[in-house]
Amino acid sequence: MKTPNRDLLVLVKDEFANEQFMEQELEQLNELLFHYETMDSFCTAHEVFDINKYKIIRSHTPLSQIARRQELKPFQFLINRN
């Protein structure tokens, strides 16, 4: 598995954690994020408010097309549902 290039801040309460323990934790975090950071889960957790058309876009196909663009059109807002 290719290791993604990301910055993770991991806070550990155990002061006796060694380098091998931290490496194992980071490997598990990367594997977990690799499986859950998909376009499907992104589309489930987000919606687009399009003020130009007075619409809320929640369906996966149009939402994924909008999310893949470099920039949103004016007055289109990508909102997290949480």
C-alpha atoms as a PDB file:
ATOM      1  CA  MET A   1       0.000   0.000   0.000  1.00  0.00           C
ATOM      2  CA  LYS A   2       1.333   3.409  -0.948  1.00  0.00           C
ATOM      3  CA  THR A   3       1.704   5.665   2.070  1.00  0.00           C
ATOM      4  CA  PRO A   4      -0.207   8.891   1.471  1.00  0.00           C
ATOM      5  CA  ASN A   5       1.552  12.169   1.974  1.00  0.00           C
ATOM      6  CA  ARG A   6      -0.360  13.716   4.870  1.00  0.00           C
ATOM      7  CA  ASP A   7       0.320  15.480   8.127  1.00  0.00           C
ATOM      8  CA  LEU A   8      -1.124  13.811  11.207  1.00  0.00           C
ATOM      9  CA  LEU A   9      -0.986  15.161  14.722  1.00  0.00           C
ATOM     10  CA  VAL A  10      -1.160  12.245  17.153  1.00  0.00           C
ATOM     11  CA  LEU A  11      -1.412  12.984  20.847  1.00  0.00           C
ATOM     12  CA  VAL A  12      -0.417  10.124  23.128  1.00  0.00           C
ATOM     13  CA  LYS A  13      -1.008  10.081  26.872  1.00  0.00           C
ATOM     14  CA  ASP A  14       1.499   7.314  27.464  1.00  0.00           C
ATOM     15  CA  GLU A  15       4.880   8.940  28.022  1.00  0.00           C
ATOM     16  CA  PHE A  16       6.644   5.594  27.637  1.00  0.00           C
ATOM     17  CA  ALA A  17       5.540   5.109  24.022  1.00  0.00           C
ATOM     18  CA  ASN A  18       8.532   4.155  21.904  1.00  0.00           C
ATOM     19  CA  GLU A  19       9.239   4.732  18.227  1.00  0.00           C
ATOM     20  CA  GLN A  20       7.947   1.297  17.192  1.00  0.00           C
ATOM     21  CA  PHE A  21       4.632   1.914  18.974  1.00  0.00           C
ATOM     22  CA  MET A  22       4.190   5.286  17.253  1.00  0.00           C
ATOM     23  CA  GLU A  23       5.064   3.787  13.870  1.00  0.00           C
ATOM     24  CA  GLN A  24       2.458   1.065  14.370  1.00  0.00           C
ATOM     25  CA  GLU A  25      -0.184   3.630  15.403  1.00  0.00           C
ATOM     26  CA  LEU A  26       0.490   5.767  12.345  1.00  0.00           C
ATOM     27  CA  GLU A  27       0.329   2.722  10.073  1.00  0.00           C
ATOM     28  CA  GLN A  28      -3.069   1.772  11.513  1.00  0.00           C
ATOM     29  CA  LEU A  29      -4.359   5.344  11.177  1.00  0.00           C
ATOM     30  CA  ASN A  30      -3.239   5.537   7.561  1.00  0.00           C
ATOM     31  CA  GLU A  31      -4.880   2.199   6.774  1.00  0.00           C
ATOM     32  CA  LEU A  32      -8.116   3.278   8.451  1.00  0.00           C
ATOM     33  CA  LEU A  33      -8.201   6.605   6.617  1.00  0.00           C
ATOM     34  CA  PHE A  34      -7.352   4.917   3.319  1.00  0.00           C
ATOM     35  CA  HIS A  35     -10.481   2.768   3.570  1.00  0.00           C
ATOM     36  CA  TYR A  36     -12.840   5.537   4.702  1.00  0.00           C
ATOM     37  CA  GLU A  37     -11.668   8.511   2.654  1.00  0.00           C
ATOM     38  CA  THR A  38     -13.609   7.610  -0.482  1.00  0.00           C
ATOM     39  CA  MET A  39     -15.767   9.698  -2.777  1.00  0.00           C
ATOM     40  CA  ASP A  40     -18.809   7.713  -1.660  1.00  0.00           C
ATOM     41  CA  SER A  41     -18.310   8.565   2.005  1.00  0.00           C
ATOM     42  CA  PHE A  42     -17.505  12.179   1.050  1.00  0.00           C
ATOM     43  CA  CYS A  43     -20.784  12.465  -0.875  1.00  0.00           C
ATOM     44  CA  THR A  44     -22.693  10.931   2.022  1.00  0.00           C
ATOM     45  CA  ALA A  45     -21.325  13.526   4.452  1.00  0.00           C
ATOM     46  CA  HIS A  46     -21.633  16.645   2.243  1.00  0.00           C
ATOM     47  CA  GLU A  47     -24.164  18.583   0.204  1.00  0.00           C
ATOM     48  CA  VAL A  48     -23.991  21.593  -2.109  1.00  0.00           C
ATOM     49  CA  PHE A  49     -26.122  24.692  -1.706  1.00  0.00           C
ATOM     50  CA  ASP A  50     -26.532  26.231  -5.156  1.00  0.00           C
ATOM     51  CA  ILE A  51     -27.932  29.715  -4.662  1.00  0.00           C
ATOM     52  CA  ASN A  52     -27.922  30.352  -8.439  1.00  0.00           C
ATOM     53  CA  LYS A  53     -30.509  27.619  -9.048  1.00  0.00           C
ATOM     54  CA  TYR A  54     -32.060  27.647  -5.544  1.00  0.00           C
ATOM     55  CA  LYS A  55     -31.229  23.949  -5.103  1.00  0.00           C
ATOM     56  CA  ILE A  56     -29.653  21.693  -2.540  1.00  0.00           C
ATOM     57  CA  ILE A  57     -27.686  18.932  -4.249  1.00  0.00           C
ATOM     58  CA  ARG A  58     -27.445  15.700  -2.256  1.00  0.00           C
ATOM     59  CA  SER A  59     -27.226  12.973  -4.905  1.00  0.00           C
ATOM     60  CA  HIS A  60     -23.872  11.291  -5.398  1.00  0.00           C
ATOM     61  CA  THR A  61     -23.217  11.794  -9.110  1.00  0.00           C
ATOM     62  CA  PRO A  62     -23.721  15.575  -9.356  1.00  0.00           C
ATOM     63  CA  LEU A  63     -22.073  16.081  -5.975  1.00  0.00           C
ATOM     64  CA  SER A  64     -18.969  14.140  -6.985  1.00  0.00           C
ATOM     65  CA  GLN A  65     -18.757  16.093 -10.260  1.00  0.00           C
ATOM     66  CA  ILE A  66     -18.921  19.381  -8.361  1.00  0.00           C
ATOM     67  CA  ALA A  67     -16.383  18.231  -5.770  1.00  0.00           C
ATOM     68  CA  ARG A  68     -13.868  17.217  -8.450  1.00  0.00           C
ATOM     69  CA  ARG A  69     -13.785  20.713  -9.930  1.00  0.00           C
ATOM     70  CA  GLN A  70     -10.844  22.961  -9.161  1.00  0.00           C
ATOM     71  CA  GLU A  71     -13.134  25.777  -7.978  1.00  0.00           C
ATOM     72  CA  LEU A  72     -16.817  26.035  -7.195  1.00  0.00           C
ATOM     73  CA  LYS A  73     -18.952  28.386  -9.254  1.00  0.00           C
ATOM     74  CA  PRO A  74     -19.948  31.639  -7.544  1.00  0.00           C
ATOM     75  CA  PHE A  75     -22.655  31.151  -4.916  1.00  0.00           C
ATOM     76  CA  GLN A  76     -22.206  27.391  -4.710  1.00  0.00           C
ATOM     77  CA  PHE A  77     -21.362  26.258  -1.213  1.00  0.00           C
ATOM     78  CA  LEU A  78     -20.046  22.850  -0.164  1.00  0.00           C
ATOM     79  CA  ILE A  79     -21.516  22.108   3.275  1.00  0.00           C
ATOM     80  CA  ASN A  80     -20.739  19.282   5.695  1.00  0.00           C
ATOM     81  CA  ARG A  81     -23.932  17.662   6.978  1.00  0.00           C
ATOM     82  CA  ASN A  82     -22.574  16.959  10.447  1.00  0.00           C
END
